[in-house]
Amino acid sequence: MAQNMTTSEHGAGFSAAAAAIAASAEEALASGTLDRVSEADIAVALTALGKLYATKVEKSDKIFPPVGQDALTATETAVLVSELLRAADLNVFDLAMWFRRAS
C-alpha cells in the first residue's frame, strides 16, 4: 500500500503521525503519566526519526535544525545527545570531528 501513495499523501500521513506522537508525548509530560509510554516505543520513534534526519541531510547536502530553537532545554539536549553518543559507541572527540564537518 505504501508504494502506491503519492508524495503528498505520504507527506500528509507523516505529518499526521508526527503530530500524533508530539501530542501523546506532550500529554504524558503534562499529566505525569510517563509510565504509560514504553522505553521501547521511544527508542523506535527516535531511531526512525534519527535515520530519516541523517539520511535527508546527507542526500540533500543541506543541514537543517532537527528541532526548533529553544524547543529543548539544555538539560534535555544534553541527556538525549549523551545517550545517543553512548548508543553509537561514540565519544565527544568523535562528535567534535563531525561538528567541524558541518561548518
PDB file of N, CA and C in Angstrom:
ATOM      1  N   MET A   1       0.817  -1.191   0.000  1.00  0.00           N
ATOM      2  CA  MET A   1       0.000   0.000   0.000  1.00  0.00           C
ATOM      3  C   MET A   1       0.862   1.256   0.000  1.00  0.00           C
ATOM      4  N   ALA A   2       1.913   1.277   0.783  1.00  0.00           N
ATOM      5  CA  ALA A   2       2.770   2.459   0.872  1.00  0.00           C
ATOM      6  C   ALA A   2       3.405   2.787  -0.468  1.00  0.00           C
ATOM      7  N   GLN A   3       3.642   1.776  -1.305  1.00  0.00           N
ATOM      8  CA  GLN A   3       4.257   2.019  -2.603  1.00  0.00           C
ATOM      9  C   GLN A   3       3.327   2.786  -3.536  1.00  0.00           C
ATOM     10  N   ASN A   4       2.014   2.693  -3.332  1.00  0.00           N
ATOM     11  CA  ASN A   4       1.055   3.363  -4.192  1.00  0.00           C
ATOM     12  C   ASN A   4       0.714   4.776  -3.729  1.00  0.00           C
ATOM     13  N   MET A   5       1.231   5.176  -2.601  1.00  0.00           N
ATOM     14  CA  MET A   5       0.931   6.512  -2.088  1.00  0.00           C
ATOM     15  C   MET A   5       1.693   7.569  -2.870  1.00  0.00           C
ATOM     16  N   THR A   6       1.037   8.689  -3.143  1.00  0.00           N
ATOM     17  CA  THR A   6       1.730   9.798  -3.781  1.00  0.00           C
ATOM     18  C   THR A   6       2.601  10.490  -2.746  1.00  0.00           C
ATOM     19  N   THR A   7       3.488  11.348  -3.237  1.00  0.00           N
ATOM     20  CA  THR A   7       4.356  12.089  -2.324  1.00  0.00           C
ATOM     21  C   THR A   7       3.534  12.935  -1.364  1.00  0.00           C
ATOM     22  N   SER A   8       2.492  13.602  -1.863  1.00  0.00           N
ATOM     23  CA  SER A   8       1.684  14.455  -0.990  1.00  0.00           C
ATOM     24  C   SER A   8       0.901  13.625   0.025  1.00  0.00           C
ATOM     25  N   GLU A   9       0.416  12.427  -0.379  1.00  0.00           N
ATOM     26  CA  GLU A   9      -0.283  11.556   0.564  1.00  0.00           C
ATOM     27  C   GLU A   9       0.678  11.062   1.642  1.00  0.00           C
ATOM     28  N   HIS A  10       1.881  10.700   1.222  1.00  0.00           N
ATOM     29  CA  HIS A  10       2.882  10.228   2.180  1.00  0.00           C
ATOM     30  C   HIS A  10       3.251  11.351   3.139  1.00  0.00           C
ATOM     31  N   GLY A  11       3.452  12.548   2.599  1.00  0.00           N
ATOM     32  CA  GLY A  11       3.793  13.698   3.442  1.00  0.00           C
ATOM     33  C   GLY A  11       2.694  14.013   4.435  1.00  0.00           C
ATOM     34  N   ALA A  12       1.442  13.946   3.980  1.00  0.00           N
ATOM     35  CA  ALA A  12       0.315  14.218   4.873  1.00  0.00           C
ATOM     36  C   ALA A  12       0.226  13.153   5.957  1.00  0.00           C
ATOM     37  N   GLY A  13       0.454  11.903   5.578  1.00  0.00           N
ATOM     38  CA  GLY A  13       0.432  10.820   6.559  1.00  0.00           C
ATOM     39  C   GLY A  13       1.535  10.977   7.584  1.00  0.00           C
ATOM     40  N   PHE A  14       2.713  11.366   7.113  1.00  0.00           N
ATOM     41  CA  PHE A  14       3.841  11.564   8.028  1.00  0.00           C
ATOM     42  C   PHE A  14       3.558  12.733   8.961  1.00  0.00           C
ATOM     43  N   SER A  15       3.003  13.811   8.429  1.00  0.00           N
ATOM     44  CA  SER A  15       2.668  14.975   9.260  1.00  0.00           C
ATOM     45  C   SER A  15       1.668  14.600  10.344  1.00  0.00           C
ATOM     46  N   ALA A  16       0.667  13.806   9.979  1.00  0.00           N
ATOM     47  CA  ALA A  16      -0.337  13.381  10.957  1.00  0.00           C
ATOM     48  C   ALA A  16       0.293  12.494  12.031  1.00  0.00           C
ATOM     49  N   ALA A  17       1.172  11.583  11.616  1.00  0.00           N
ATOM     50  CA  ALA A  17       1.841  10.702  12.578  1.00  0.00           C
ATOM     51  C   ALA A  17       2.741  11.509  13.511  1.00  0.00           C
ATOM     52  N   ALA A  18       3.481  12.471  12.954  1.00  0.00           N
ATOM     53  CA  ALA A  18       4.363  13.312  13.774  1.00  0.00           C
ATOM     54  C   ALA A  18       3.553  14.115  14.784  1.00  0.00           C
ATOM     55  N   ALA A  19       2.421  14.667  14.335  1.00  0.00           N
ATOM     56  CA  ALA A  19       1.567  15.439  15.236  1.00  0.00           C
ATOM     57  C   ALA A  19       0.998  14.554  16.341  1.00  0.00           C
ATOM     58  N   ALA A  20       0.636  13.322  15.997  1.00  0.00           N
ATOM     59  CA  ALA A  20       0.090  12.399  16.997  1.00  0.00           C
ATOM     60  C   ALA A  20       1.142  12.029  18.040  1.00  0.00           C
ATOM     61  N   ILE A  21       2.364  11.766  17.585  1.00  0.00           N
ATOM     62  CA  ILE A  21       3.442  11.443  18.528  1.00  0.00           C
ATOM     63  C   ILE A  21       3.723  12.640  19.431  1.00  0.00           C
ATOM     64  N   ALA A  22       3.797  13.833  18.841  1.00  0.00           N
ATOM     65  CA  ALA A  22       4.054  15.036  19.635  1.00  0.00           C
ATOM     66  C   ALA A  22       2.948  15.254  20.663  1.00  0.00           C
ATOM     67  N   ALA A  23       1.692  15.093  20.260  1.00  0.00           N
ATOM     68  CA  ALA A  23       0.570  15.290  21.180  1.00  0.00           C
ATOM     69  C   ALA A  23       0.601  14.265  22.313  1.00  0.00           C
ATOM     70  N   SER A  24       0.895  13.009  21.981  1.00  0.00           N
ATOM     71  CA  SER A  24       0.974  11.965  23.011  1.00  0.00           C
ATOM     72  C   SER A  24       2.099  12.249  23.999  1.00  0.00           C
ATOM     73  N   ALA A  25       3.245  12.684  23.479  1.00  0.00           N
ATOM     74  CA  ALA A  25       4.381  12.998  24.347  1.00  0.00           C
ATOM     75  C   ALA A  25       4.059  14.183  25.249  1.00  0.00           C
ATOM     76  N   GLU A  26       3.473  15.229  24.677  1.00  0.00           N
ATOM     77  CA  GLU A  26       3.127  16.415  25.466  1.00  0.00           C
ATOM     78  C   GLU A  26       2.117  16.075  26.557  1.00  0.00           C
ATOM     79  N   GLU A  27       1.153  15.213  26.217  1.00  0.00           N
ATOM     80  CA  GLU A  27       0.149  14.817  27.206  1.00  0.00           C
ATOM     81  C   GLU A  27       0.778  14.006  28.335  1.00  0.00           C
ATOM     82  N   ALA A  28       1.674  13.085  27.992  1.00  0.00           N
ATOM     83  CA  ALA A  28       2.357  12.285  29.017  1.00  0.00           C
ATOM     84  C   ALA A  28       3.197  13.177  29.931  1.00  0.00           C
ATOM     85  N   LEU A  29       3.870  14.158  29.342  1.00  0.00           N
ATOM     86  CA  LEU A  29       4.683  15.079  30.141  1.00  0.00           C
ATOM     87  C   LEU A  29       3.805  15.941  31.047  1.00  0.00           C
ATOM     88  N   ALA A  30       2.722  16.480  30.488  1.00  0.00           N
ATOM     89  CA  ALA A  30       1.856  17.377  31.252  1.00  0.00           C
ATOM     90  C   ALA A  30       1.111  16.650  32.372  1.00  0.00           C
ATOM     91  N   SER A  31       0.705  15.412  32.114  1.00  0.00           N
ATOM     92  CA  SER A  31      -0.086  14.675  33.103  1.00  0.00           C
ATOM     93  C   SER A  31       0.764  13.834  34.047  1.00  0.00           C
ATOM     94  N   GLY A  32       2.064  13.745  33.751  1.00  0.00           N
ATOM     95  CA  GLY A  32       2.945  12.945  34.595  1.00  0.00           C
ATOM     96  C   GLY A  32       2.753  11.447  34.428  1.00  0.00           C
ATOM     97  N   THR A  33       2.173  11.035  33.315  1.00  0.00           N
ATOM     98  CA  THR A  33       1.921   9.606  33.075  1.00  0.00           C
ATOM     99  C   THR A  33       3.008   9.009  32.190  1.00  0.00           C
ATOM    100  N   LEU A  34       4.250   9.257  32.546  1.00  0.00           N
ATOM    101  CA  LEU A  34       5.383   8.784  31.748  1.00  0.00           C
ATOM    102  C   LEU A  34       5.450   7.262  31.689  1.00  0.00           C
ATOM    103  N   ASP A  35       4.935   6.592  32.719  1.00  0.00           N
ATOM    104  CA  ASP A  35       4.975   5.130  32.739  1.00  0.00           C
ATOM    105  C   ASP A  35       4.090   4.503  31.663  1.00  0.00           C
ATOM    106  N   ARG A  36       3.203   5.268  31.074  1.00  0.00           N
ATOM    107  CA  ARG A  36       2.341   4.752  30.002  1.00  0.00           C
ATOM    108  C   ARG A  36       3.054   4.706  28.652  1.00  0.00           C
ATOM    109  N   VAL A  37       4.205   5.351  28.579  1.00  0.00           N
ATOM    110  CA  VAL A  37       4.988   5.359  27.337  1.00  0.00           C
ATOM    111  C   VAL A  37       6.186   4.439  27.554  1.00  0.00           C
ATOM    112  N   SER A  38       6.269   3.385  26.753  1.00  0.00           N
ATOM    113  CA  SER A  38       7.354   2.421  26.967  1.00  0.00           C
ATOM    114  C   SER A  38       8.683   2.952  26.434  1.00  0.00           C
ATOM    115  N   GLU A  39       9.745   2.514  27.075  1.00  0.00           N
ATOM    116  CA  GLU A  39      11.091   2.867  26.610  1.00  0.00           C
ATOM    117  C   GLU A  39      11.311   2.345  25.197  1.00  0.00           C
ATOM    118  N   ALA A  40      10.761   1.173  24.896  1.00  0.00           N
ATOM    119  CA  ALA A  40      10.906   0.590  23.556  1.00  0.00           C
ATOM    120  C   ALA A  40      10.235   1.461  22.498  1.00  0.00           C
ATOM    121  N   ASP A  41       9.051   2.001  22.808  1.00  0.00           N
ATOM    122  CA  ASP A  41       8.362   2.862  21.841  1.00  0.00           C
ATOM    123  C   ASP A  41       9.136   4.153  21.595  1.00  0.00           C
ATOM    124  N   ILE A  42       9.706   4.709  22.653  1.00  0.00           N
ATOM    125  CA  ILE A  42      10.526   5.919  22.495  1.00  0.00           C
ATOM    126  C   ILE A  42      11.733   5.602  21.618  1.00  0.00           C
ATOM    127  N   ALA A  43      12.373   4.467  21.866  1.00  0.00           N
ATOM    128  CA  ALA A  43      13.544   4.071  21.075  1.00  0.00           C
ATOM    129  C   ALA A  43      13.185   3.864  19.609  1.00  0.00           C
ATOM    130  N   VAL A  44      12.037   3.249  19.336  1.00  0.00           N
ATOM    131  CA  VAL A  44      11.605   3.032  17.949  1.00  0.00           C
ATOM    132  C   VAL A  44      11.422   4.375  17.238  1.00  0.00           C
ATOM    133  N   ALA A  45      10.727   5.309  17.889  1.00  0.00           N
ATOM    134  CA  ALA A  45      10.477   6.617  17.277  1.00  0.00           C
ATOM    135  C   ALA A  45      11.777   7.388  17.064  1.00  0.00           C
ATOM    136  N   LEU A  46      12.638   7.430  18.089  1.00  0.00           N
ATOM    137  CA  LEU A  46      13.905   8.159  17.958  1.00  0.00           C
ATOM    138  C   LEU A  46      14.805   7.547  16.893  1.00  0.00           C
ATOM    139  N   THR A  47      14.835   6.221  16.819  1.00  0.00           N
ATOM    140  CA  THR A  47      15.663   5.550  15.819  1.00  0.00           C
ATOM    141  C   THR A  47      15.196   5.894  14.412  1.00  0.00           C
ATOM    142  N   ALA A  48      13.903   5.769  14.176  1.00  0.00           N
ATOM    143  CA  ALA A  48      13.363   6.060  12.843  1.00  0.00           C
ATOM    144  C   ALA A  48      13.591   7.517  12.462  1.00  0.00           C
ATOM    145  N   LEU A  49      13.326   8.424  13.384  1.00  0.00           N
ATOM    146  CA  LEU A  49      13.498   9.846  13.087  1.00  0.00           C
ATOM    147  C   LEU A  49      14.966  10.219  12.936  1.00  0.00           C
ATOM    148  N   GLY A  50      15.828   9.611  13.739  1.00  0.00           N
ATOM    149  CA  GLY A  50      17.267   9.863  13.602  1.00  0.00           C
ATOM    150  C   GLY A  50      17.780   9.423  12.246  1.00  0.00           C
ATOM    151  N   LYS A  51      17.361   8.238  11.803  1.00  0.00           N
ATOM    152  CA  LYS A  51      17.779   7.737  10.490  1.00  0.00           C
ATOM    153  C   LYS A  51      17.240   8.630   9.374  1.00  0.00           C
ATOM    154  N   LEU A  52      15.976   9.033   9.493  1.00  0.00           N
ATOM    155  CA  LEU A  52      15.372   9.897   8.478  1.00  0.00           C
ATOM    156  C   LEU A  52      16.096  11.238   8.396  1.00  0.00           C
ATOM    157  N   TYR A  53      16.355  11.838   9.560  1.00  0.00           N
ATOM    158  CA  TYR A  53      17.045  13.131   9.586  1.00  0.00           C
ATOM    159  C   TYR A  53      18.435  13.022   8.961  1.00  0.00           C
ATOM    160  N   ALA A  54      19.222  12.053   9.408  1.00  0.00           N
ATOM    161  CA  ALA A  54      20.595  11.910   8.909  1.00  0.00           C
ATOM    162  C   ALA A  54      20.619  11.644   7.410  1.00  0.00           C
ATOM    163  N   THR A  55      19.730  10.792   6.929  1.00  0.00           N
ATOM    164  CA  THR A  55      19.689  10.478   5.500  1.00  0.00           C
ATOM    165  C   THR A  55      19.262  11.691   4.687  1.00  0.00           C
ATOM    166  N   LYS A  56      18.262  12.423   5.165  1.00  0.00           N
ATOM    167  CA  LYS A  56      17.801  13.613   4.433  1.00  0.00           C
ATOM    168  C   LYS A  56      18.910  14.659   4.360  1.00  0.00           C
ATOM    169  N   VAL A  57      19.635  14.868   5.457  1.00  0.00           N
ATOM    170  CA  VAL A  57      20.744  15.831   5.466  1.00  0.00           C
ATOM    171  C   VAL A  57      21.840  15.392   4.499  1.00  0.00           C
ATOM    172  N   GLU A  58      22.199  14.113   4.545  1.00  0.00           N
ATOM    173  CA  GLU A  58      23.280  13.629   3.682  1.00  0.00           C
ATOM    174  C   GLU A  58      22.893  13.651   2.209  1.00  0.00           C
ATOM    175  N   LYS A  59      21.661  13.274   1.887  1.00  0.00           N
ATOM    176  CA  LYS A  59      21.247  13.222   0.481  1.00  0.00           C
ATOM    177  C   LYS A  59      20.998  14.609  -0.104  1.00  0.00           C
ATOM    178  N   SER A  60      20.513  15.528   0.706  1.00  0.00           N
ATOM    179  CA  SER A  60      20.238  16.877   0.203  1.00  0.00           C
ATOM    180  C   SER A  60      21.451  17.784   0.334  1.00  0.00           C
ATOM    181  N   ASP A  61      22.457  17.332   1.094  1.00  0.00           N
ATOM    182  CA  ASP A  61      23.656  18.130   1.360  1.00  0.00           C
ATOM    183  C   ASP A  61      23.283  19.489   1.951  1.00  0.00           C
ATOM    184  N   LYS A  62      22.213  19.484   2.745  1.00  0.00           N
ATOM    185  CA  LYS A  62      21.743  20.712   3.389  1.00  0.00           C
ATOM    186  C   LYS A  62      21.419  20.383   4.841  1.00  0.00           C
ATOM    187  N   ILE A  63      22.087  21.047   5.748  1.00  0.00           N
ATOM    188  CA  ILE A  63      21.822  20.831   7.169  1.00  0.00           C
ATOM    189  C   ILE A  63      20.696  21.761   7.596  1.00  0.00           C
ATOM    190  N   PHE A  64      19.707  21.186   8.269  1.00  0.00           N
ATOM    191  CA  PHE A  64      18.602  21.978   8.801  1.00  0.00           C
ATOM    192  C   PHE A  64      18.427  21.605  10.270  1.00  0.00           C
ATOM    193  N   PRO A  65      17.897  22.503  11.072  1.00  0.00           N
ATOM    194  CA  PRO A  65      17.762  22.217  12.505  1.00  0.00           C
ATOM    195  C   PRO A  65      16.824  21.031  12.739  1.00  0.00           C
ATOM    196  N   PRO A  66      17.242  20.049  13.541  1.00  0.00           N
ATOM    197  CA  PRO A  66      16.376  18.899  13.803  1.00  0.00           C
ATOM    198  C   PRO A  66      15.220  19.236  14.744  1.00  0.00           C
ATOM    199  N   VAL A  67      15.355  20.305  15.493  1.00  0.00           N
ATOM    200  CA  VAL A  67      14.289  20.787  16.387  1.00  0.00           C
ATOM    201  C   VAL A  67      14.278  22.310  16.313  1.00  0.00           C
ATOM    202  N   GLY A  68      13.175  22.904  16.724  1.00  0.00           N
ATOM    203  CA  GLY A  68      13.090  24.356  16.744  1.00  0.00           C
ATOM    204  C   GLY A  68      14.013  24.949  17.797  1.00  0.00           C
ATOM    205  N   GLN A  69      14.418  26.194  17.572  1.00  0.00           N
ATOM    206  CA  GLN A  69      15.287  26.864  18.535  1.00  0.00           C
ATOM    207  C   GLN A  69      14.574  26.947  19.878  1.00  0.00           C
ATOM    208  N   ASP A  70      15.263  26.594  20.926  1.00  0.00           N
ATOM    209  CA  ASP A  70      14.741  26.586  22.296  1.00  0.00           C
ATOM    210  C   ASP A  70      13.600  25.582  22.501  1.00  0.00           C
ATOM    211  N   ALA A  71      13.442  24.608  21.580  1.00  0.00           N
ATOM    212  CA  ALA A  71      12.406  23.582  21.740  1.00  0.00           C
ATOM    213  C   ALA A  71      12.763  22.623  22.870  1.00  0.00           C
ATOM    214  N   LEU A  72      14.055  22.409  23.069  1.00  0.00           N
ATOM    215  CA  LEU A  72      14.549  21.554  24.151  1.00  0.00           C
ATOM    216  C   LEU A  72      15.395  22.405  25.088  1.00  0.00           C
ATOM    217  N   THR A  73      15.333  22.088  26.366  1.00  0.00           N
ATOM    218  CA  THR A  73      16.207  22.779  27.313  1.00  0.00           C
ATOM    219  C   THR A  73      17.630  22.259  27.138  1.00  0.00           C
ATOM    220  N   ALA A  74      18.572  22.945  27.747  1.00  0.00           N
ATOM    221  CA  ALA A  74      19.964  22.488  27.702  1.00  0.00           C
ATOM    222  C   ALA A  74      20.080  21.100  28.335  1.00  0.00           C
ATOM    223  N   THR A  75      19.364  20.876  29.419  1.00  0.00           N
ATOM    224  CA  THR A  75      19.403  19.568  30.079  1.00  0.00           C
ATOM    225  C   THR A  75      18.817  18.487  29.183  1.00  0.00           C
ATOM    226  N   GLU A  76      17.665  18.751  28.584  1.00  0.00           N
ATOM    227  CA  GLU A  76      17.045  17.769  27.683  1.00  0.00           C
ATOM    228  C   GLU A  76      17.977  17.436  26.523  1.00  0.00           C
ATOM    229  N   THR A  77      18.611  18.461  25.975  1.00  0.00           N
ATOM    230  CA  THR A  77      19.545  18.249  24.869  1.00  0.00           C
ATOM    231  C   THR A  77      20.733  17.411  25.317  1.00  0.00           C
ATOM    232  N   ALA A  78      21.316  17.753  26.458  1.00  0.00           N
ATOM    233  CA  ALA A  78      22.486  17.018  26.957  1.00  0.00           C
ATOM    234  C   ALA A  78      22.146  15.563  27.259  1.00  0.00           C
ATOM    235  N   VAL A  79      20.999  15.309  27.862  1.00  0.00           N
ATOM    236  CA  VAL A  79      20.586  13.934  28.168  1.00  0.00           C
ATOM    237  C   VAL A  79      20.423  13.138  26.878  1.00  0.00           C
ATOM    238  N   LEU A  80      19.713  13.697  25.920  1.00  0.00           N
ATOM    239  CA  LEU A  80      19.469  12.999  24.653  1.00  0.00           C
ATOM    240  C   LEU A  80      20.761  12.757  23.888  1.00  0.00           C
ATOM    241  N   VAL A  81      21.566  13.792  23.721  1.00  0.00           N
ATOM    242  CA  VAL A  81      22.813  13.660  22.962  1.00  0.00           C
ATOM    243  C   VAL A  81      23.768  12.684  23.652  1.00  0.00           C
ATOM    244  N   SER A  82      23.869  12.758  24.963  1.00  0.00           N
ATOM    245  CA  SER A  82      24.755  11.842  25.696  1.00  0.00           C
ATOM    246  C   SER A  82      24.369  10.391  25.458  1.00  0.00           C
ATOM    247  N   GLU A  83      23.081  10.100  25.517  1.00  0.00           N
ATOM    248  CA  GLU A  83      22.635   8.714  25.324  1.00  0.00           C
ATOM    249  C   GLU A  83      22.736   8.282  23.866  1.00  0.00           C
ATOM    250  N   LEU A  84      22.549   9.205  22.931  1.00  0.00           N
ATOM    251  CA  LEU A  84      22.759   8.869  21.517  1.00  0.00           C
ATOM    252  C   LEU A  84      24.226   8.534  21.267  1.00  0.00           C
ATOM    253  N   LEU A  85      25.127   9.307  21.857  1.00  0.00           N
ATOM    254  CA  LEU A  85      26.558   9.026  21.717  1.00  0.00           C
ATOM    255  C   LEU A  85      26.906   7.661  22.307  1.00  0.00           C
ATOM    256  N   ARG A  86      26.372   7.362  23.495  1.00  0.00           N
ATOM    257  CA  ARG A  86      26.630   6.057  24.115  1.00  0.00           C
ATOM    258  C   ARG A  86      26.105   4.919  23.239  1.00  0.00           C
ATOM    259  N   ALA A  87      24.905   5.078  22.719  1.00  0.00           N
ATOM    260  CA  ALA A  87      24.293   4.024  21.904  1.00  0.00           C
ATOM    261  C   ALA A  87      25.101   3.749  20.639  1.00  0.00           C
ATOM    262  N   ALA A  88      25.735   4.782  20.107  1.00  0.00           N
ATOM    263  CA  ALA A  88      26.535   4.635  18.884  1.00  0.00           C
ATOM    264  C   ALA A  88      28.002   4.347  19.189  1.00  0.00           C
ATOM    265  N   ASP A  89      28.343   4.217  20.463  1.00  0.00           N
ATOM    266  CA  ASP A  89      29.720   3.985  20.901  1.00  0.00           C
ATOM    267  C   ASP A  89      30.657   5.079  20.375  1.00  0.00           C
ATOM    268  N   LEU A  90      30.187   6.326  20.488  1.00  0.00           N
ATOM    269  CA  LEU A  90      30.985   7.492  20.106  1.00  0.00           C
ATOM    270  C   LEU A  90      31.372   8.257  21.364  1.00  0.00           C
ATOM    271  N   ASN A  91      32.380   9.113  21.235  1.00  0.00           N
ATOM    272  CA  ASN A  91      32.769   9.967  22.352  1.00  0.00           C
ATOM    273  C   ASN A  91      32.752  11.420  21.884  1.00  0.00           C
ATOM    274  N   VAL A  92      33.034  12.332  22.800  1.00  0.00           N
ATOM    275  CA  VAL A  92      32.954  13.754  22.452  1.00  0.00           C
ATOM    276  C   VAL A  92      33.993  14.151  21.407  1.00  0.00           C
ATOM    277  N   PHE A  93      35.097  13.433  21.330  1.00  0.00           N
ATOM    278  CA  PHE A  93      36.098  13.739  20.303  1.00  0.00           C
ATOM    279  C   PHE A  93      35.563  13.370  18.922  1.00  0.00           C
ATOM    280  N   ASP A  94      34.865  12.231  18.834  1.00  0.00           N
ATOM    281  CA  ASP A  94      34.208  11.856  17.581  1.00  0.00           C
ATOM    282  C   ASP A  94      33.177  12.914  17.199  1.00  0.00           C
ATOM    283  N   LEU A  95      32.419  13.353  18.176  1.00  0.00           N
ATOM    284  CA  LEU A  95      31.399  14.368  17.938  1.00  0.00           C
ATOM    285  C   LEU A  95      32.033  15.663  17.441  1.00  0.00           C
ATOM    286  N   ALA A  96      33.149  16.053  18.020  1.00  0.00           N
ATOM    287  CA  ALA A  96      33.838  17.276  17.597  1.00  0.00           C
ATOM    288  C   ALA A  96      34.270  17.186  16.137  1.00  0.00           C
ATOM    289  N   MET A  97      34.718  16.009  15.710  1.00  0.00           N
ATOM    290  CA  MET A  97      35.116  15.821  14.317  1.00  0.00           C
ATOM    291  C   MET A  97      33.915  16.035  13.392  1.00  0.00           C
ATOM    292  N   TRP A  98      32.767  15.468  13.733  1.00  0.00           N
ATOM    293  CA  TRP A  98      31.571  15.622  12.910  1.00  0.00           C
ATOM    294  C   TRP A  98      31.047  17.051  12.975  1.00  0.00           C
ATOM    295  N   PHE A  99      31.182  17.679  14.118  1.00  0.00           N
ATOM    296  CA  PHE A  99      30.705  19.050  14.271  1.00  0.00           C
ATOM    297  C   PHE A  99      31.473  19.980  13.339  1.00  0.00           C
ATOM    298  N   ARG A 100      32.786  19.793  13.243  1.00  0.00           N
ATOM    299  CA  ARG A 100      33.607  20.615  12.337  1.00  0.00           C
ATOM    300  C   ARG A 100      33.239  20.347  10.887  1.00  0.00           C
ATOM    301  N   ARG A 101      32.850  19.117  10.576  1.00  0.00           N
ATOM    302  CA  ARG A 101      32.476  18.738   9.210  1.00  0.00           C
ATOM    303  C   ARG A 101      31.309  19.586   8.711  1.00  0.00           C
ATOM    304  N   ALA A 102      30.397  19.921   9.609  1.00  0.00           N
ATOM    305  CA  ALA A 102      29.187  20.640   9.219  1.00  0.00           C
ATOM    306  C   ALA A 102      29.434  22.114   8.921  1.00  0.00           C
ATOM    307  N   SER A 103      30.565  22.651   9.344  1.00  0.00           N
ATOM    308  CA  SER A 103      30.767  24.090   9.131  1.00  0.00           C
ATOM    309  C   SER A 103      31.435  24.396   7.822  1.00  0.00           C
TER     310      SER A 103
END
